[in-house]
Protein backbone atom coordinates (compact mmCIF):
# COMPACT_ATOMS: atom_id res chain seq x y z
CA MET A 1 56.13 -19.10 270.89
CA THR A 2 57.78 -15.70 270.83
CA VAL A 3 58.42 -14.17 267.41
CA THR A 4 61.07 -11.47 267.09
CA GLN A 5 60.84 -10.56 263.41
CA LEU A 6 57.67 -8.95 262.11
CA ARG A 7 56.66 -7.54 258.76
CA ILE A 8 54.27 -4.65 259.37
CA ALA A 9 51.92 -3.01 256.85
CA LEU A 10 50.41 0.40 257.67
CA VAL A 11 47.25 1.32 255.76
CA GLN A 12 47.47 5.09 255.24
CA MET A 13 44.12 6.10 253.77
CA ASN A 14 41.75 9.01 253.29
CA ILE A 15 38.62 8.86 255.44
CA GLU A 16 35.28 10.35 254.41
CA ALA A 17 33.92 12.03 257.53
CA GLY A 18 30.41 10.77 258.18
CA ASN A 19 30.32 8.27 255.31
CA THR A 20 30.56 4.97 257.16
CA GLU A 21 29.57 2.79 254.20
CA ALA A 22 32.30 4.23 251.98
CA ASN A 23 34.83 3.90 254.80
CA PHE A 24 33.96 0.27 255.55
CA ALA A 25 34.18 -0.58 251.85
CA LYS A 26 37.58 1.09 251.56
CA MET A 27 38.83 -0.58 254.74
CA GLU A 28 37.94 -4.01 253.35
CA ARG A 29 39.64 -3.25 250.02
CA LYS A 30 42.78 -1.98 251.73
CA LEU A 31 42.99 -4.99 254.04
CA GLU A 32 42.76 -7.33 251.05
CA GLU A 33 45.42 -5.29 249.24
CA ALA A 34 47.74 -5.49 252.26
CA ALA A 35 47.17 -9.24 252.69
CA ALA A 36 48.04 -9.79 249.02
CA LEU A 37 51.53 -8.33 249.43
CA ASP A 38 54.40 -10.74 248.85
CA PRO A 39 55.73 -11.59 251.34
CA LYS A 40 52.53 -11.28 253.35
CA PRO A 41 52.71 -9.01 256.41
CA ASP A 42 52.48 -10.41 259.92
CA LEU A 43 50.61 -7.36 261.18
CA ILE A 44 48.34 -4.86 259.42
CA VAL A 45 47.50 -1.54 261.10
CA LEU A 46 44.64 0.86 260.29
CA PRO A 47 44.41 4.57 261.23
CA GLU A 48 42.31 6.32 263.87
CA MET A 49 38.51 6.65 263.58
CA TRP A 50 38.53 5.16 260.08
CA ASN A 51 34.85 4.21 260.24
CA THR A 52 33.47 7.72 260.78
CA GLY A 53 36.26 10.27 260.67
CA TYR A 54 35.77 13.33 262.83
CA ALA A 55 32.05 13.78 262.14
CA LEU A 56 31.66 14.42 265.85
CA THR A 57 28.32 16.22 265.78
CA GLU A 58 26.78 13.09 264.23
CA ILE A 59 28.93 10.56 266.02
CA ARG A 60 26.26 8.84 268.11
CA ASN A 61 24.30 7.96 264.98
CA LEU A 62 27.42 6.84 263.08
CA ALA A 63 29.34 4.88 265.72
CA ASP A 64 29.57 1.09 265.53
CA PRO A 65 27.38 -0.36 268.35
CA ASP A 66 29.77 -2.23 270.66
CA GLY A 67 32.14 -2.47 267.68
CA GLU A 68 30.23 -5.50 266.43
CA ARG A 69 30.38 -4.75 262.70
CA THR A 70 34.11 -4.06 262.87
CA LYS A 71 34.85 -7.08 265.03
CA LYS A 72 32.94 -9.46 262.78
CA LEU A 73 34.57 -8.23 259.55
CA VAL A 74 38.13 -8.02 260.85
CA SER A 75 37.98 -11.29 262.78
CA GLU A 76 36.82 -13.16 259.69
CA PHE A 77 39.53 -11.48 257.60
CA CYS A 78 42.25 -12.53 260.08
CA ARG A 79 41.07 -16.13 260.08
CA ARG A 80 40.94 -16.23 256.29
CA HIS A 81 44.38 -14.72 255.73
CA GLY A 82 46.23 -15.81 258.86
CA VAL A 83 47.40 -12.31 259.77
CA ASN A 84 47.26 -10.10 262.85
CA VAL A 85 45.33 -6.83 262.53
CA LEU A 86 45.25 -3.80 264.77
CA ALA A 87 42.00 -2.39 263.41
CA GLY A 88 43.00 1.21 263.92
CA SER A 89 40.46 2.81 266.15
CA ILE A 90 36.77 3.20 265.56
CA ALA A 91 33.98 5.34 266.91
CA GLN A 92 32.24 2.77 269.08
CA LEU A 93 28.82 3.19 270.67
CA ARG A 94 28.66 1.98 274.27
CA GLY A 95 25.29 2.50 275.88
CA GLU A 96 24.59 6.21 275.54
CA GLY A 97 28.22 7.19 274.97
CA VAL A 98 30.83 6.89 272.22
CA THR A 99 34.46 5.92 272.66
CA ASN A 100 37.45 6.10 270.32
CA THR A 101 38.45 2.44 270.55
CA ILE A 102 41.13 0.10 269.20
CA HIS A 103 40.49 -3.59 268.60
CA ALA A 104 43.39 -5.96 267.90
CA PHE A 105 43.01 -9.46 266.45
CA ASP A 106 45.42 -12.37 266.18
CA ARG A 107 45.94 -14.69 263.22
CA THR A 108 43.03 -16.88 264.29
CA GLY A 109 40.59 -13.98 264.51
CA VAL A 110 40.53 -13.73 268.30
CA ASN A 111 39.99 -10.19 269.62
CA ILE A 112 43.12 -10.02 271.79
CA ALA A 113 42.95 -6.38 272.88
CA GLU A 114 40.67 -3.39 273.27
CA TYR A 115 41.83 0.10 274.18
CA SER A 116 39.84 3.34 274.31
CA LYS A 117 41.64 6.67 273.94
CA ILE A 118 42.49 8.10 277.35
CA HIS A 119 43.32 11.69 276.39
CA LEU A 120 40.61 13.58 274.50
CA PHE A 121 41.73 16.40 272.20
CA GLN A 122 39.86 19.56 273.14
CA LEU A 123 41.02 21.47 270.05
CA MET A 124 38.83 19.13 267.96
CA ASN A 125 36.05 19.05 270.60
CA GLU A 126 36.55 15.36 271.34
CA HIS A 127 35.69 15.99 274.99
CA LEU A 128 32.23 17.24 274.00
CA HIS A 129 31.29 14.16 271.99
CA LEU A 130 33.40 11.22 273.19
CA GLU A 131 33.99 9.43 276.47
CA ALA A 132 37.57 8.85 277.60
CA GLY A 133 38.92 5.37 278.25
CA GLY A 134 39.98 4.36 281.73
CA ALA A 135 42.85 1.92 281.23
CA ALA A 136 46.16 1.68 279.37
CA GLY A 137 46.37 -0.53 276.29
CA SER A 138 48.79 -3.44 276.80
CA PHE A 139 48.53 -6.82 275.07
CA GLU A 140 50.60 -9.72 273.78
CA LEU A 141 51.23 -10.07 270.05
CA GLU A 142 53.03 -13.15 268.69
CA GLY A 143 54.39 -13.79 272.18
CA VAL A 144 55.79 -10.25 272.46
CA GLN A 145 54.51 -7.59 274.84
CA ALA A 146 52.98 -4.78 272.80
CA ALA A 147 50.95 -1.67 273.54
CA ALA A 148 48.69 0.85 271.82
CA MET A 149 48.06 4.55 272.10
CA ILE A 150 45.88 6.80 269.94
CA CYS A 151 47.01 10.06 268.31
CA TYR A 152 46.92 12.78 271.05
CA ASP A 153 48.07 10.17 273.59
CA ILE A 154 51.64 10.52 272.30
CA ARG A 155 51.85 13.98 273.87
CA PHE A 156 51.76 12.28 277.29
CA PRO A 157 55.17 10.66 277.90
CA GLU A 158 54.10 9.24 281.25
CA LEU A 159 51.64 6.91 279.49
CA ALA A 160 54.29 5.61 277.10
CA ARG A 161 56.70 5.10 280.01
CA LYS A 162 54.06 3.17 281.96
CA LEU A 163 53.59 0.87 278.96
CA ALA A 164 57.34 0.39 278.56
CA LEU A 165 57.77 -0.39 282.25
CA GLY A 166 55.05 -2.99 281.78
CA GLY A 167 57.26 -4.71 279.24
CA ALA A 168 56.12 -3.25 275.93
CA LYS A 169 58.67 -3.60 273.13
CA LEU A 170 56.33 -2.40 270.39
CA LEU A 171 54.07 0.65 270.57
CA ILE A 172 51.37 1.00 267.88
CA VAL A 173 49.77 4.40 267.29
CA PRO A 174 46.75 4.87 264.99
CA ALA A 175 46.14 8.57 264.36
CA GLU A 176 44.37 11.36 262.52
CA TRP A 177 47.13 13.95 262.96
CA PRO A 178 46.49 17.11 260.91
CA HIS A 179 48.39 19.90 259.27
CA PRO A 180 50.29 21.97 260.25
CA ARG A 181 51.86 19.89 263.04
CA LEU A 182 54.09 17.51 261.07
CA HIS A 183 57.16 18.56 263.10
CA HIS A 184 55.35 17.66 266.34
CA TRP A 185 54.29 14.30 264.87
CA ARG A 186 57.82 13.28 263.93
CA THR A 187 59.47 14.64 267.06
CA LEU A 188 57.03 13.12 269.54
CA LEU A 189 57.06 9.69 267.91
CA GLN A 190 60.85 9.59 267.80
CA ALA A 191 61.05 10.79 271.40
CA ARG A 192 58.70 8.04 272.58
CA ALA A 193 60.88 5.48 270.78
CA ILE A 194 64.20 6.83 272.10
CA GLU A 195 63.23 7.43 275.72
CA ASN A 196 61.49 4.05 276.05
CA GLN A 197 63.89 2.11 273.80
CA MET A 198 61.12 0.41 271.84
CA PHE A 199 59.74 0.25 268.32
CA VAL A 200 57.06 2.80 267.53
CA VAL A 201 54.69 2.10 264.64
CA SER A 202 52.36 4.97 263.72
CA CYS A 203 49.57 4.89 261.13
CA ASN A 204 48.17 8.28 260.15
CA THR A 205 45.40 9.25 257.76
CA VAL A 206 45.75 11.49 254.72
CA GLY A 207 43.69 13.93 252.67
CA GLU A 208 40.77 16.22 253.50
CA SER A 209 38.20 15.03 256.01
CA GLY A 210 35.69 16.82 258.21
CA GLY A 211 37.16 20.25 257.44
CA SER A 212 40.71 19.27 258.37
CA SER A 213 43.71 18.32 256.24
CA PHE A 214 45.80 15.29 257.21
CA PHE A 215 49.38 14.81 256.03
CA GLY A 216 50.02 11.09 256.29
CA HIS A 217 53.69 10.41 257.04
CA SER A 218 52.95 7.12 258.76
CA MET A 219 56.21 5.92 260.30
CA VAL A 220 58.10 2.94 261.67
CA ILE A 221 60.81 3.94 264.17
CA ASP A 222 63.37 1.70 265.86
CA PRO A 223 64.51 1.84 269.53
CA TRP A 224 67.41 4.16 268.59
CA GLY A 225 64.90 6.64 267.16
CA GLU A 226 65.90 5.88 263.56
CA VAL A 227 63.08 6.11 261.02
CA LEU A 228 63.00 2.78 259.18
CA ALA A 229 60.12 3.73 256.88
CA GLU A 230 58.01 6.83 256.33
CA ALA A 231 55.08 7.36 253.96
CA GLU A 232 54.47 10.42 251.83
CA GLU A 233 51.35 12.57 251.68
CA ARG A 234 49.15 10.18 249.71
CA GLU A 235 47.19 6.98 250.19
CA THR A 236 49.57 4.05 250.43
CA ILE A 237 50.42 0.87 252.29
CA LEU A 238 53.74 1.37 254.06
CA VAL A 239 55.68 -1.83 254.76
CA ALA A 240 58.61 -2.32 257.12
CA ASP A 241 60.41 -5.28 258.68
CA ILE A 242 61.40 -5.05 262.33
CA ASP A 243 63.49 -7.26 264.59
CA LEU A 244 62.26 -6.99 268.15
CA ALA A 245 65.52 -8.47 269.45
CA LEU A 246 66.94 -4.97 268.93
CA VAL A 247 64.91 -3.74 271.91
CA ASP A 248 66.84 -5.89 274.37
CA GLU A 249 70.13 -4.93 272.73
CA VAL A 250 69.43 -1.20 273.04
CA ARG A 251 68.16 -1.50 276.60
CA GLY A 252 71.30 -3.44 277.48
CA ARG A 253 73.67 -0.87 275.96
CA ILE A 254 72.03 2.17 277.60
CA PRO A 255 70.40 0.96 280.86
CA VAL A 256 67.79 3.71 281.16
CA PHE A 257 65.34 1.65 283.17
CA ALA A 258 67.95 0.49 285.67
CA ASP A 259 69.08 4.09 286.21
CA ARG A 260 65.64 5.52 286.92
CA ARG A 261 65.01 7.37 290.25
CA PRO A 262 61.23 7.05 290.54
CA GLU A 263 61.25 8.05 294.21
CA LEU A 264 62.25 11.56 293.08
CA TYR A 265 59.69 11.93 290.30
CA GLU A 266 56.56 12.52 292.38
């Protein structure tokens, strides 16, 4: 059954770089806090690399082997509370390498999606310590086509367009987006929403971590580019209600996809 109305809770939290035990404990507390909201959210979203932060020089020792610890905890939480969770992204050990990977779970605890960050951010030396993913992140949530990108990915409009052309009506973006680029954060997220006529839900981190300062400002943006909710620069759980029927309305009023000329874009 397709659901059009969703209540979304974004867990904007500080991450202690390198302190996985503290981060797991906080993640569990924040999930319980979000699930206790009244009314209860349909979807809870965590930020990027919440398990380790950007402790990249130690990342192989810190990363979650095959994501098993994360998957077990979040799956059980979803079953217990009957909520969907996009478990941000984690540093995940795969063989000898580490990926920056999203796991999404449905209300029954089934791991419905996995996406590893495609674009590695050289300014934070991700390319020296992480392996890039090799596929886009599309999945179905509550009968609706959704998609995920991670942080730096939003600077690549061709990826967002590919996801929209694949049917995505909701784009979810976990991030650790630092000072001083708040203007870029807002502008890029709104642009991805406007040009692809879809909801964009972005969950950032906040505070000091790994020598960088993160500004929060998690956001929920509608297909017109209007900001429905925006967090401040502190730990919080940001809640917003969205109606996915608006996507079809906007796409019908301004037929961007029908007017494309892809034969001229190569």
